[in-house]
Protein backbone atom coordinates (compact mmCIF):
# COMPACT_ATOMS: atom_id res chain seq x y z
CA MET A 1 -23.81 3.90 8.01
CA LYS A 2 -23.62 1.34 5.26
CA ILE A 3 -20.11 2.38 2.83
CA GLY A 4 -20.12 1.42 -0.76
CA LEU A 5 -16.64 0.67 -2.70
CA PHE A 6 -16.20 1.44 -6.36
CA LEU A 7 -13.81 -0.27 -8.52
CA ALA A 8 -13.73 -0.28 -12.24
CA TYR A 9 -10.38 -0.79 -12.98
CA ARG A 10 -9.69 -2.50 -16.58
CA PRO A 11 -8.56 -5.97 -17.20
CA ASN A 12 -4.99 -7.04 -16.47
CA THR A 13 -4.52 -4.01 -14.28
CA PRO A 14 -1.53 -5.07 -11.16
CA PHE A 15 -3.95 -4.53 -7.90
CA THR A 16 -2.71 -6.78 -5.30
CA ASN A 17 0.77 -6.42 -5.27
CA GLN A 18 0.96 -2.25 -5.56
CA GLY A 19 0.71 0.51 -3.29
CA LEU A 20 -3.13 1.30 -3.85
CA GLY A 21 -3.80 -2.74 -3.22
CA ARG A 22 -2.30 -2.36 0.34
CA LEU A 23 -3.72 1.00 0.76
CA MET A 24 -7.19 -0.27 0.06
CA ALA A 25 -6.33 -3.32 2.05
CA GLU A 26 -5.97 -0.79 5.47
CA LEU A 27 -8.60 1.44 4.28
CA LEU A 28 -11.21 -1.33 4.00
CA GLN A 29 -10.59 -2.91 7.29
CA GLY A 30 -10.52 0.57 9.21
CA PHE A 31 -14.16 1.20 7.05
CA SER A 32 -15.67 -1.76 8.74
CA GLN A 33 -14.13 -0.92 12.00
CA ASN A 34 -15.59 2.37 12.17
CA SER A 35 -18.82 2.23 10.75
CA GLY A 36 -19.91 -0.73 11.99
CA GLU A 37 -20.84 -1.79 8.82
CA ALA A 38 -19.78 -4.88 6.90
CA VAL A 39 -18.43 -2.64 3.60
CA THR A 40 -19.49 -3.60 0.11
CA VAL A 41 -17.45 -3.80 -2.89
CA VAL A 42 -18.88 -3.61 -6.10
CA CYS A 43 -16.12 -4.50 -9.34
CA PRO A 44 -16.12 -6.10 -12.63
CA SER A 45 -15.81 -9.68 -12.64
CA TRP A 46 -12.23 -9.93 -13.53
CA LEU A 47 -11.03 -7.88 -10.24
CA ALA A 48 -13.46 -10.27 -7.83
CA ARG A 49 -10.52 -12.89 -7.27
CA ASP A 50 -7.96 -9.88 -6.32
CA ILE A 51 -9.90 -8.29 -4.27
CA GLN A 52 -11.09 -11.69 -1.88
CA LYS A 53 -7.40 -12.33 -2.40
CA LEU A 54 -6.31 -8.73 -1.08
CA THR A 55 -8.63 -8.98 1.92
CA SER A 56 -8.04 -12.18 2.85
CA ARG A 57 -6.74 -11.58 5.87
CA LEU A 58 -9.53 -9.48 7.32
CA PRO A 59 -12.32 -10.25 9.76
CA GLU A 60 -15.09 -12.82 8.10
CA GLY A 61 -18.05 -10.64 7.18
CA ALA A 62 -15.81 -7.10 7.30
CA ILE A 63 -16.34 -7.34 3.34
CA HIS A 64 -19.27 -8.35 1.15
CA ILE A 65 -17.75 -8.45 -2.76
CA VAL A 66 -20.05 -8.19 -5.39
CA SER A 67 -19.34 -7.98 -9.31
CA PRO A 68 -21.05 -8.54 -12.52
CA PRO A 69 -21.48 -13.02 -12.93
CA ASN A 70 -18.63 -14.50 -15.23
CA ILE A 71 -15.64 -13.17 -16.46
CA PRO A 72 -16.56 -11.99 -20.17
CA VAL A 73 -14.74 -14.63 -22.97
CA ILE A 74 -12.44 -12.44 -24.65
CA VAL A 75 -10.85 -11.39 -20.96
CA ARG A 76 -10.59 -14.61 -19.79
CA ILE A 77 -8.62 -15.67 -23.78
CA HIS A 78 -6.24 -12.87 -23.36
CA LYS A 79 -5.52 -13.07 -19.51
CA THR A 80 -4.62 -16.98 -20.43
CA ILE A 81 -2.60 -16.10 -23.30
CA LEU A 82 -0.65 -13.84 -20.83
CA ARG A 83 -0.14 -16.11 -17.90
CA GLN A 84 1.23 -18.84 -21.07
CA ARG A 85 3.96 -15.38 -21.66
CA ALA A 86 5.03 -15.20 -18.72
CA GLN A 87 5.48 -18.95 -17.47
CA PRO A 88 5.45 -21.07 -20.65
CA LYS A 89 4.05 -24.36 -20.42
CA GLU A 90 4.26 -27.44 -23.11
CA GLY A 91 0.93 -28.10 -24.55
CA LEU A 92 -0.21 -31.77 -26.00
CA LEU A 93 0.70 -31.43 -29.19
CA ARG A 94 4.23 -29.90 -28.14
CA ARG A 95 4.86 -32.58 -25.58
CA SER A 96 3.56 -35.58 -27.95
CA PHE A 97 6.21 -34.03 -30.55
CA HIS A 98 9.05 -34.84 -27.52
CA TRP A 99 7.84 -37.71 -26.78
CA ALA A 100 7.91 -39.27 -30.18
CA LYS A 101 11.50 -37.30 -30.81
CA ARG A 102 12.50 -39.22 -27.87
CA VAL A 103 10.98 -42.65 -29.15
CA ALA A 104 12.54 -42.08 -32.16
CA PHE A 105 16.22 -41.18 -30.72
CA ASN A 106 16.39 -44.35 -28.40
CA GLY A 107 15.39 -46.37 -31.70
CA ALA A 108 18.15 -44.92 -34.06
CA VAL A 109 19.93 -45.83 -31.26
CA ALA A 110 19.45 -48.84 -30.27
CA THR A 111 19.78 -49.67 -34.16
CA PHE A 112 22.44 -48.50 -35.20
CA GLY A 113 24.11 -50.06 -31.62
CA ALA A 114 22.71 -53.38 -32.70
CA ILE A 115 24.53 -53.07 -36.36
CA MET A 116 27.77 -51.63 -35.22
CA ALA A 117 27.95 -55.11 -32.91
CA ALA A 118 26.92 -56.98 -35.73
CA LEU A 119 29.97 -55.73 -38.07
CA SER A 120 32.13 -57.16 -35.27
CA THR A 121 30.98 -60.81 -35.65
CA ARG A 122 33.36 -63.52 -37.27
CA SER A 123 30.26 -65.16 -39.33
CA LEU A 124 30.48 -63.32 -43.30
CA PRO A 125 26.53 -63.72 -43.94
CA VAL A 126 26.35 -61.83 -40.62
CA PHE A 127 29.09 -59.60 -41.49
CA PHE A 128 27.25 -58.94 -45.06
CA VAL A 129 23.52 -58.15 -43.61
CA ALA A 130 24.90 -55.93 -41.02
CA ALA A 131 27.07 -54.10 -44.07
CA LEU A 132 24.03 -53.56 -45.75
CA SER A 133 21.45 -52.53 -42.73
CA LEU A 134 24.19 -49.66 -42.19
CA ALA A 135 23.82 -48.51 -45.99
CA ILE A 136 20.03 -48.62 -46.10
CA ALA A 137 19.77 -46.37 -42.73
CA VAL A 138 22.43 -44.05 -43.85
CA ALA A 139 20.60 -43.53 -47.18
CA THR A 140 17.11 -43.40 -45.29
CA VAL A 141 18.14 -40.59 -42.79
CA SER A 142 19.45 -38.71 -46.13
CA ILE A 143 16.52 -39.20 -47.69
CA ALA A 144 14.82 -38.00 -44.59
CA LEU A 145 16.54 -35.20 -43.60
CA ALA A 146 16.69 -33.78 -47.17
CA PRO A 147 13.60 -31.93 -46.97
CA VAL A 148 14.45 -30.40 -43.32
CA PHE A 149 17.88 -29.31 -45.13
CA LEU A 150 15.98 -27.69 -48.26
CA ILE A 151 13.51 -26.12 -45.57
CA GLY A 152 16.16 -24.76 -43.15
CA LEU A 153 18.61 -23.64 -46.49
CA PHE A 154 15.08 -21.25 -47.54
CA ALA A 155 14.48 -20.28 -44.17
CA ALA A 156 18.05 -18.72 -44.11
CA LEU A 157 17.61 -16.80 -47.94
CA VAL A 158 14.36 -15.65 -46.31
CA LEU A 159 16.41 -13.95 -42.97
CA TYR A 160 19.48 -13.41 -44.43
CA GLY A 161 19.75 -13.18 -48.04
CA ILE A 162 16.30 -10.82 -48.59
CA PRO A 163 18.35 -7.93 -47.08
CA ARG A 164 20.92 -8.40 -49.32
CA LEU A 165 19.19 -9.15 -52.47
CA ARG A 166 16.26 -7.47 -52.08
CA THR A 167 18.08 -3.99 -53.64
CA GLN A 168 18.42 -6.37 -56.07
CA VAL A 169 15.79 -8.91 -57.16
CA GLY A 170 12.45 -7.45 -57.49
CA MET A 171 10.84 -10.61 -56.12
CA PHE A 172 12.82 -10.71 -52.68
CA ARG A 173 12.31 -6.67 -52.57
CA LYS A 174 8.08 -7.72 -52.61
CA LEU A 175 8.55 -10.43 -50.16
CA ALA A 176 11.16 -8.07 -47.68
CA SER A 177 7.89 -5.60 -47.88
CA LEU A 178 5.40 -8.52 -47.08
CA ARG A 179 7.61 -9.14 -43.91
CA ARG A 180 7.44 -5.78 -43.08
CA ALA A 181 3.46 -5.19 -43.34
CA ALA A 182 2.90 -8.74 -41.55
CA ILE A 183 5.29 -7.21 -38.42
CA ASN A 184 3.69 -3.91 -38.42
CA PHE A 185 -0.37 -5.37 -38.43
CA VAL A 186 1.18 -7.32 -35.74
CA ASN A 187 2.41 -4.62 -33.97
CA ARG A 188 -1.19 -2.47 -34.62
CA ALA A 189 -3.10 -5.45 -33.29
CA PHE A 190 -1.38 -6.66 -30.31
CA GLY A 191 1.14 -3.83 -29.97
CA ASP A 192 0.88 -0.46 -27.21
CA ARG A 193 -0.68 0.94 -29.55
CA PRO A 194 -3.96 1.83 -30.70
CA SER A 195 -5.44 -1.47 -31.52
CA ILE A 196 -8.18 -3.87 -32.10
CA VAL A 197 -7.60 -5.13 -28.65
CA THR A 198 -7.73 -2.36 -27.59
CA ALA A 199 -11.31 -0.97 -28.62
CA ILE A 200 -12.45 -4.91 -27.66
CA TYR A 201 -11.25 -3.80 -24.14
CA ASN A 202 -12.88 -0.37 -23.92
CA THR A 203 -16.16 -1.96 -25.08
CA VAL A 204 -16.10 -4.95 -22.55
CA HIS A 205 -15.19 -2.53 -19.76
CA ARG A 206 -17.68 -0.14 -20.57
CA LYS A 207 -20.38 -2.42 -20.90
CA GLU A 208 -19.11 -4.23 -17.57
CA ILE A 209 -19.37 -0.59 -15.93
CA SER A 210 -22.90 -0.49 -17.22
CA ASN A 211 -23.50 -3.91 -15.48
CA MET A 212 -22.03 -2.89 -12.18
CA LEU A 213 -24.41 0.27 -12.02
CA ALA A 214 -27.55 -1.61 -13.11
CA ILE A 215 -26.53 -3.87 -9.64
CA ILE A 216 -25.43 -0.53 -7.72
CA GLU A 217 -28.96 0.51 -8.59
CA GLY A 218 -31.04 -2.47 -6.50
CA MET A 219 -28.58 -1.64 -3.41
CA ASN A 220 -30.98 0.68 -1.68
CA ASP A 221 -29.27 -0.38 1.53
CA ILE A 222 -26.26 1.29 0.59
CA ASP A 223 -26.42 5.05 2.63
CA ILE A 224 -22.95 6.47 0.51
CA TRP A 225 -20.25 5.44 -2.05
CA TYR A 226 -16.58 6.03 -2.44
CA SER A 227 -14.15 6.07 -4.85
CA PRO A 228 -10.39 5.39 -4.47
CA THR A 229 -9.48 7.59 -7.65
CA VAL A 230 -11.13 9.58 -10.41
CA PHE A 231 -10.99 7.72 -13.34
CA TRP A 232 -14.69 6.58 -13.63
CA PRO A 233 -16.74 9.88 -15.04
CA GLU A 234 -19.46 7.06 -14.69
CA PHE A 235 -19.32 7.28 -11.03
CA SER A 236 -21.04 9.62 -10.10
CA LYS A 237 -24.20 8.48 -12.20
CA ILE A 238 -24.85 6.64 -8.52
CA ARG A 239 -28.47 7.80 -7.19
CA LYS A 240 -26.84 8.47 -4.04
CA PRO A 241 -24.45 10.95 -1.94
CA THR A 242 -20.54 10.21 -3.95
CA VAL A 243 -17.47 11.12 -2.71
CA GLN A 244 -13.58 10.67 -4.95
CA CYS A 245 -11.12 10.48 -3.70
CA PHE A 246 -8.34 12.98 -5.78
CA PRO A 247 -4.68 11.15 -5.15
CA ASP A 248 -2.85 12.94 -8.15
CA MET A 249 -2.93 14.98 -11.11
CA VAL A 250 0.07 13.56 -12.79
CA LEU A 251 -1.51 14.61 -16.48
CA GLY A 252 -1.77 17.79 -15.63
CA GLU A 253 1.31 18.61 -13.83
CA PHE A 254 3.57 16.26 -16.86
CA PRO A 255 1.43 16.48 -20.09
CA THR A 256 4.94 16.66 -22.03
CA ARG A 257 6.32 13.61 -20.46
CA PHE A 258 3.02 11.42 -20.71
CA ALA A 259 2.68 12.80 -24.23
CA PHE A 260 5.99 11.31 -25.24
CA SER A 261 4.79 7.97 -23.16
CA SER A 262 4.47 4.74 -25.67
CA ARG A 263 0.95 4.61 -24.00
CA SER A 264 -0.04 8.09 -25.13
CA ASP A 265 -2.96 7.84 -26.66
CA ARG A 266 -4.59 5.30 -23.35
CA ILE A 267 -3.04 8.79 -21.66
CA ASP A 268 -4.95 11.01 -23.93
CA THR A 269 -8.00 9.32 -23.25
CA VAL A 270 -7.56 8.72 -19.38
CA TYR A 271 -7.17 12.44 -18.74
CA SER A 272 -9.89 13.45 -20.39
CA GLN A 273 -11.99 10.67 -18.56
CA VAL A 274 -10.59 12.45 -15.31
CA ILE A 275 -11.91 15.85 -16.05
CA THR A 276 -15.15 14.54 -17.04
CA ALA A 277 -14.84 13.21 -13.38
CA ILE A 278 -13.95 15.64 -11.54
CA GLN A 279 -16.27 17.79 -13.55
CA SER A 280 -19.35 15.61 -12.31
CA GLY A 281 -18.12 14.99 -8.81
CA LYS A 282 -19.61 16.42 -5.45
CA HIS A 283 -17.60 15.50 -3.05
CA PHE A 284 -13.59 14.84 -2.58
CA ILE A 285 -10.55 13.81 -0.58
CA ALA A 286 -6.68 14.43 -0.99
CA TYR A 287 -4.08 12.82 0.34
CA SER A 288 -1.72 16.47 0.91
CA GLU A 289 -2.61 20.26 1.19
CA THR A 290 -0.33 20.62 -2.30
CA THR A 291 -2.81 17.94 -4.27
CA ALA A 292 -5.95 19.45 -2.11
CA GLY A 293 -5.35 23.08 -2.99
CA PRO A 294 -2.92 24.25 -5.74
CA SER A 295 -4.27 21.42 -7.54
CA LEU A 296 -7.60 20.03 -7.22
CA HIS A 297 -8.94 23.82 -5.82
CA ASP A 298 -7.04 26.34 -8.10
CA ARG A 299 -6.93 24.44 -11.23
CA PHE A 300 -10.00 22.83 -11.85
CA GLY A 301 -12.31 25.58 -9.57
CA VAL A 302 -13.52 22.57 -7.09
CA PRO A 303 -15.33 24.82 -4.10
CA ARG A 304 -12.60 24.35 -1.19
CA ASN A 305 -15.57 23.37 0.93
CA LYS A 306 -16.32 20.35 -0.96
CA ILE A 307 -12.53 18.74 -0.25
CA THR A 308 -11.22 17.12 3.05
CA THR A 309 -7.38 16.50 3.49
CA ILE A 310 -6.82 12.86 4.82
CA PRO A 311 -2.89 12.28 5.21
CA HIS A 312 -2.04 9.17 4.62
CA ALA A 313 -0.75 6.94 7.81
CA ALA A 314 2.93 5.15 7.98
CA MET A 315 3.27 2.30 5.91
CA ASP A 316 4.12 -1.01 8.27
CA LEU A 317 6.08 -3.26 6.75
CA SER A 318 7.97 -5.42 9.45
CA LYS A 319 5.40 -8.16 9.84
CA ASN A 320 6.54 -9.51 6.70
CA VAL A 321 10.19 -9.83 7.62
CA ARG A 322 10.82 -9.27 11.79
CA VAL A 323 11.82 -12.56 13.23
CA LEU A 324 11.53 -12.59 16.87
CA GLY A 325 12.08 -14.79 19.70
CA THR A 326 16.06 -15.60 18.67
CA PRO A 327 18.72 -14.43 20.87
CA ASP A 328 19.52 -11.76 18.34
CA PRO A 329 16.29 -10.64 16.26
CA GLU A 330 17.97 -8.17 14.03
CA ALA A 331 20.74 -10.96 12.59
CA ALA A 332 17.51 -13.28 12.25
CA THR A 333 15.82 -10.91 10.12
CA ASP A 334 19.06 -10.28 8.23
CA ASN A 335 18.98 -13.88 7.33
CA PHE A 336 15.33 -14.17 6.37
CA ALA A 337 15.58 -11.55 4.05
CA ARG A 338 18.36 -12.60 2.48
CA MET A 339 16.88 -16.33 2.02
CA LYS A 340 13.96 -14.27 0.78
CA LEU A 341 16.03 -13.31 -2.20
CA THR A 342 18.03 -16.43 -2.45
CA GLU A 343 14.40 -18.28 -3.27
CA PHE A 344 13.32 -15.21 -5.37
CA GLN A 345 16.62 -15.78 -7.28
CA ARG A 346 16.27 -19.27 -7.76
CA ILE A 347 12.53 -19.10 -8.80
CA ARG A 348 12.58 -15.59 -10.78
CA TRP A 349 16.32 -14.92 -12.34
CA ASN A 350 17.09 -19.27 -12.99
CA LYS A 351 17.56 -18.15 -16.63
CA ASP A 352 19.42 -15.18 -16.13
CA ARG A 353 23.19 -16.16 -17.23
CA TYR A 354 24.32 -13.52 -14.63
CA LEU A 355 22.14 -13.08 -11.99
CA ARG A 356 21.32 -17.00 -11.28
CA ASP A 357 24.58 -17.44 -9.85
CA PHE A 358 24.98 -13.89 -8.55
CA ASP A 359 26.39 -13.86 -5.08
CA PHE A 360 23.93 -11.65 -3.11
CA SER A 361 25.47 -12.17 0.56
CA ASP A 362 27.89 -9.26 -0.47
CA CYS A 363 26.43 -7.01 -2.27
CA GLN A 364 24.97 -3.69 -0.98
CA TYR A 365 22.35 -2.09 -3.04
CA LEU A 366 19.70 0.73 -3.28
CA PHE A 367 16.33 0.08 -3.87
CA TYR A 368 13.71 1.88 -5.62
CA ALA A 369 10.33 0.20 -5.43
CA SER A 370 7.89 1.45 -8.10
CA GLN A 371 6.00 1.49 -11.36
CA PHE A 372 7.79 3.11 -14.33
CA ARG A 373 5.71 5.58 -14.92
CA PRO A 374 6.70 9.31 -16.33
CA ASN A 375 6.42 11.00 -12.88
CA LYS A 376 9.07 8.35 -11.40
CA ASN A 377 11.95 10.12 -12.72
CA ILE A 378 13.50 7.04 -13.32
CA VAL A 379 15.63 8.29 -16.23
CA ASN A 380 17.29 10.94 -14.02
CA LEU A 381 17.90 8.25 -10.82
CA LEU A 382 19.43 6.09 -13.43
CA ARG A 383 21.99 9.10 -14.59
CA GLY A 384 22.11 9.56 -10.88
CA TYR A 385 23.04 6.11 -10.21
CA GLU A 386 25.33 6.03 -12.92
CA ILE A 387 27.60 8.97 -11.27
CA ALA A 388 27.58 7.47 -7.76
CA LEU A 389 28.75 4.35 -9.48
CA ARG A 390 31.46 4.79 -11.89
CA LYS A 391 32.24 8.53 -10.83
CA ASN A 392 32.23 8.08 -7.31
CA PHE A 393 33.25 4.22 -6.99
CA CYS A 394 29.81 3.39 -4.95
CA GLN A 395 30.15 -0.62 -5.57
CA CYS A 396 26.95 -1.20 -5.23
CA LYS A 397 23.77 -2.07 -7.21
CA LEU A 398 20.33 -0.78 -7.99
CA ILE A 399 17.51 -2.93 -7.64
CA LEU A 400 13.94 -1.49 -9.13
CA THR A 401 10.80 -3.30 -9.02
CA GLY A 402 8.77 -1.52 -12.26
CA HIS A 403 9.15 -2.98 -16.52
CA LEU A 404 11.21 -1.41 -19.21
CA THR A 405 8.34 -2.20 -21.72
CA ASP A 406 6.74 1.34 -19.79
CA ALA A 407 10.04 3.47 -20.00
CA PRO A 408 11.53 2.77 -23.33
CA GLU A 409 13.95 5.43 -22.62
CA ALA A 410 15.49 4.35 -19.74
CA ALA A 411 15.35 0.96 -21.33
CA LYS A 412 17.53 2.47 -23.94
CA LEU A 413 20.01 4.61 -21.45
CA LEU A 414 20.63 1.18 -19.44
CA GLU A 415 21.68 -0.03 -23.09
CA GLU A 416 23.99 3.10 -24.01
CA ARG A 417 25.76 3.57 -21.21
CA ARG A 418 26.12 -0.57 -20.12
CA LEU A 419 24.29 -0.74 -16.63
CA GLN A 420 22.17 -3.99 -17.78
CA TYR A 421 24.96 -5.81 -14.92
CA ASP A 422 24.46 -2.94 -12.49
CA VAL A 423 20.74 -2.57 -12.78
CA ILE A 424 18.29 -5.48 -11.60
CA LEU A 425 14.30 -5.72 -11.79
CA ALA A 426 12.63 -7.67 -9.97
CA GLN A 427 9.15 -7.31 -10.73
CA ASN A 428 5.86 -8.42 -8.83
CA VAL A 429 6.88 -9.18 -5.71
CA SER A 430 4.93 -9.93 -3.31
CA ASP A 431 4.29 -7.77 0.07
CA GLN A 432 6.85 -10.19 1.99
CA MET A 433 9.09 -10.04 -0.62
CA LEU A 434 8.99 -6.04 -0.90
CA ALA A 435 9.81 -6.45 2.99
CA ALA A 436 12.76 -8.18 2.29
CA LEU A 437 13.98 -6.28 -0.24
CA TYR A 438 14.10 -3.16 1.45
CA ARG A 439 15.25 -4.47 4.36
CA GLY A 440 18.65 -5.55 2.78
CA ALA A 441 19.38 -2.71 0.72
CA ALA A 442 21.96 -0.09 1.95
CA LEU A 443 19.82 2.69 1.15
CA ALA A 444 16.05 3.53 -0.08
CA VAL A 445 15.73 5.77 -2.63
CA ASN A 446 12.70 7.79 -4.16
CA PRO A 447 12.95 10.50 -7.24
CA THR A 448 9.45 10.65 -7.86
CA LEU A 449 8.49 14.50 -9.36
CA TYR A 450 4.90 14.39 -8.06
CA GLU A 451 2.93 12.18 -5.33
CA GLY A 452 -0.60 12.84 -4.02
CA GLY A 453 0.85 13.04 -0.42
CA PHE A 454 3.62 11.96 1.15
CA PRO A 455 5.56 8.96 -0.73
CA PHE A 456 5.02 5.57 1.34
CA THR A 457 8.72 4.96 0.61
CA PHE A 458 9.77 6.75 3.73
CA THR A 459 7.83 4.64 6.36
CA GLU A 460 8.16 1.24 4.33
CA ALA A 461 11.75 1.51 4.37
CA MET A 462 12.78 2.97 7.84
CA SER A 463 10.09 -0.04 9.37
CA VAL A 464 12.58 -2.85 8.37
CA GLY A 465 14.94 -0.59 9.33
CA THR A 466 16.68 0.76 5.90
CA PRO A 467 17.07 4.61 5.69
CA VAL A 468 15.66 7.09 2.62
CA VAL A 469 16.88 9.90 0.48
CA MET A 470 14.50 10.87 -1.75
CA SER A 471 13.36 14.36 -4.25
CA ARG A 472 12.51 17.60 -2.51
CA ILE A 473 8.73 18.40 -3.51
CA PRO A 474 5.89 20.24 -1.44
CA GLN A 475 4.46 16.97 -0.64
CA THR A 476 7.61 15.98 1.07
CA GLU A 477 8.10 19.50 2.39
CA GLU A 478 5.33 19.53 4.08
CA PHE A 479 6.84 16.77 6.84
CA ILE A 480 10.77 17.48 6.11
CA GLN A 481 12.00 20.62 6.71
CA GLY A 482 15.32 21.89 7.84
CA GLU A 483 18.34 19.57 9.32
CA LEU A 484 16.98 16.79 8.20
CA ALA A 485 15.25 18.21 4.47
CA ASP A 486 19.34 19.11 3.72
CA GLN A 487 20.36 15.97 4.62
CA MET A 488 17.94 13.27 2.62
CA LEU A 489 16.15 15.54 -0.13
CA PHE A 490 17.70 16.27 -3.33
CA ASP A 491 16.24 18.04 -6.50
CA PRO A 492 14.67 15.47 -8.68
CA LEU A 493 15.81 17.21 -11.65
CA SER A 494 19.43 17.26 -10.79
CA PRO A 495 21.30 13.90 -11.27
CA GLU A 496 24.66 15.27 -9.92
CA GLU A 497 22.22 15.94 -6.56
CA ILE A 498 20.74 12.62 -6.93
CA ALA A 499 24.00 11.21 -6.93
CA GLU A 500 25.14 13.60 -4.07
CA LYS A 501 23.00 12.20 -1.79
CA ILE A 502 22.85 8.42 -3.07
CA VAL A 503 26.86 9.10 -1.91
CA PHE A 504 26.00 10.46 1.30
CA GLY A 505 23.15 7.93 2.38
CA LEU A 506 25.77 4.70 1.49
CA SER A 507 28.57 6.44 4.25
CA HIS A 508 26.42 7.79 6.61
CA ARG A 509 24.06 5.03 6.44
CA SER A 510 23.38 4.48 10.17
CA GLU A 511 23.89 8.52 11.19
CA LEU A 512 20.74 8.99 8.73
CA TYR A 513 18.77 6.32 9.70
CA GLU A 514 19.31 8.05 13.30
CA LEU A 515 18.57 11.60 12.17
CA GLN A 516 14.86 10.04 10.27
CA LEU A 517 13.89 7.94 13.54
CA PRO A 518 12.36 10.63 15.42
CA LEU A 519 10.21 11.85 12.25
CA TYR A 520 9.67 8.36 12.10
CA GLU A 521 8.01 7.61 14.62
CA ARG A 522 5.96 10.29 14.77
CA LEU A 523 4.44 9.64 11.74
CA ARG A 524 3.80 5.92 12.95
CA GLU A 525 1.61 7.06 15.35
CA ARG A 526 -1.00 7.60 12.92
CA THR A 527 -2.83 4.71 12.31
CA TRP A 528 -4.83 3.58 9.18
CA ARG A 529 -7.73 3.02 11.65
CA ASP A 530 -7.23 6.82 12.07
CA VAL A 531 -7.14 7.09 8.48
CA ALA A 532 -10.43 5.25 7.78
CA ARG A 533 -11.83 6.83 11.22
CA GLU A 534 -11.55 10.79 9.14
CA HIS A 535 -12.87 8.82 5.96
CA VAL A 536 -16.26 8.10 7.83
CA ALA A 537 -16.21 11.12 9.53
CA ALA A 538 -16.24 12.73 6.58
CA PHE A 539 -18.97 11.08 4.66
CA GLU A 540 -21.30 11.43 7.89
CA ARG A 541 -20.67 15.18 7.22
CA ILE A 542 -21.68 14.84 4.14
CA LEU A 543 -24.44 12.70 4.51
CA ALA A 544 -25.32 15.55 7.17
CA ASP A 545 -25.40 17.77 4.51
CA HIS A 546 -27.41 16.16 2.01
CA ASP A 547 -30.11 15.09 4.43
CA SER A 548 -30.67 19.02 5.40
CA ARG A 549 -30.78 20.52 2.21
CA PRO A 550 -34.21 21.82 1.13
CA GLY A 551 -35.85 19.74 -1.74
CA ARG A 552 -33.32 16.94 -0.90
CA THR A 553 -32.61 14.92 -4.03
CA THR A 554 -30.48 12.00 -4.60
CA GLY A 555 -27.39 12.16 -6.45
């Protein structure tokens, strides 16, 4: 059986360093091992390199990546702009300017040095020539700097004078209006609201998917196609048996949180696409009974026999940080994790006046690895953390991996509560750095309101020896019950309960880890090869059912 994987993520979608990327890498290897055939991945041109990087550790020949040729020019330009913003480098013009400035400065220093040396001469003619040269040099510099002074004065008036004088002077009022109009235009064109850039990207994305479908049309050797999400209604146009993964329906569970998101327009579009994809879909895979039953079956009316529930396996990060072959492997692993954090600090936080010299060797911290989405409950985590920090006097930092631009409410809370020096952002971390952050944490915490399956946080943290406290949601209660649930689960809507579990976890770290260890050992018995084998078995059942239908048709 030959399996095809359909990926159609938009340009600049984080992939390789996210949980989805790690999940895809595990599944692709398992698909290849269990089916005995190479897995064909069809993806957009802009994603091909990320997929190659993601699958670089897999056996040669296990994956065959196909994409439309050549990344669209507009996407390449935008990627270049984003890269320049993230890592600003001096262009030729700027380098030439700085070179000319250095030459001019060094020349001026040498000239004035020679003049000052000449002024100390005992020869009267030489003295007069030196004095005249000095006067000419001062006059020349004054004249040359006069325009710069005037421009600076005008800029100061524009920036600081207009706000005070615009109510009195009509011209200034018009200039201020023009300035506001320019800012609004830039925000509309390049901000998170509906924009020219968004419209162009939507068009490019649709065209790329059409090109991908055209490629797939000619792949008659692929038996079944799999999509790891329900974002792409075009997937159902493939004229072969298709299966979609239904990770979750966060948009439907928390519509008001997404409605007030800074990207609500984009979210409305995604929600419509998801509904269309589900309605046109034929077979689905879910990660938990919660998403399979109450969500996919009850909410959207998908027949239960069209849904296969396949839980995740345990995530193991220990291979990225564990040091073996030493007299004390635990101490060596701790040292390696601290070394990775120091390296990250030197590279990523070198311009932060507070973090660049901060001593992490004697600092305990909480850790939550997640992007900042509305269901991730970042604001309540921050409120709970503040209670633990300031009312319960827990001396620890909180390290997060999301971007505050995706959570304006959280950014506002950080500023209002003056938590900027207590909450640290470590973004776009590698797998090795992720493992190091988990290893160095006193406690991992996950305040999520909703997930597709059992959260990765638990096994990721436990695999490197760090205990966890997390939300009491149906997806966690499928696995955690009784005394263990009482000790480690909290109401995600209660900052007070979050703080209570943080305090307990910090003060009973060893006991909590030992209490969680039996569950972790049970979860780790299930491997990603098991997960992949169950996917392949589901695909075989679907193919058998498809082939046995009277008047068999493709689709």
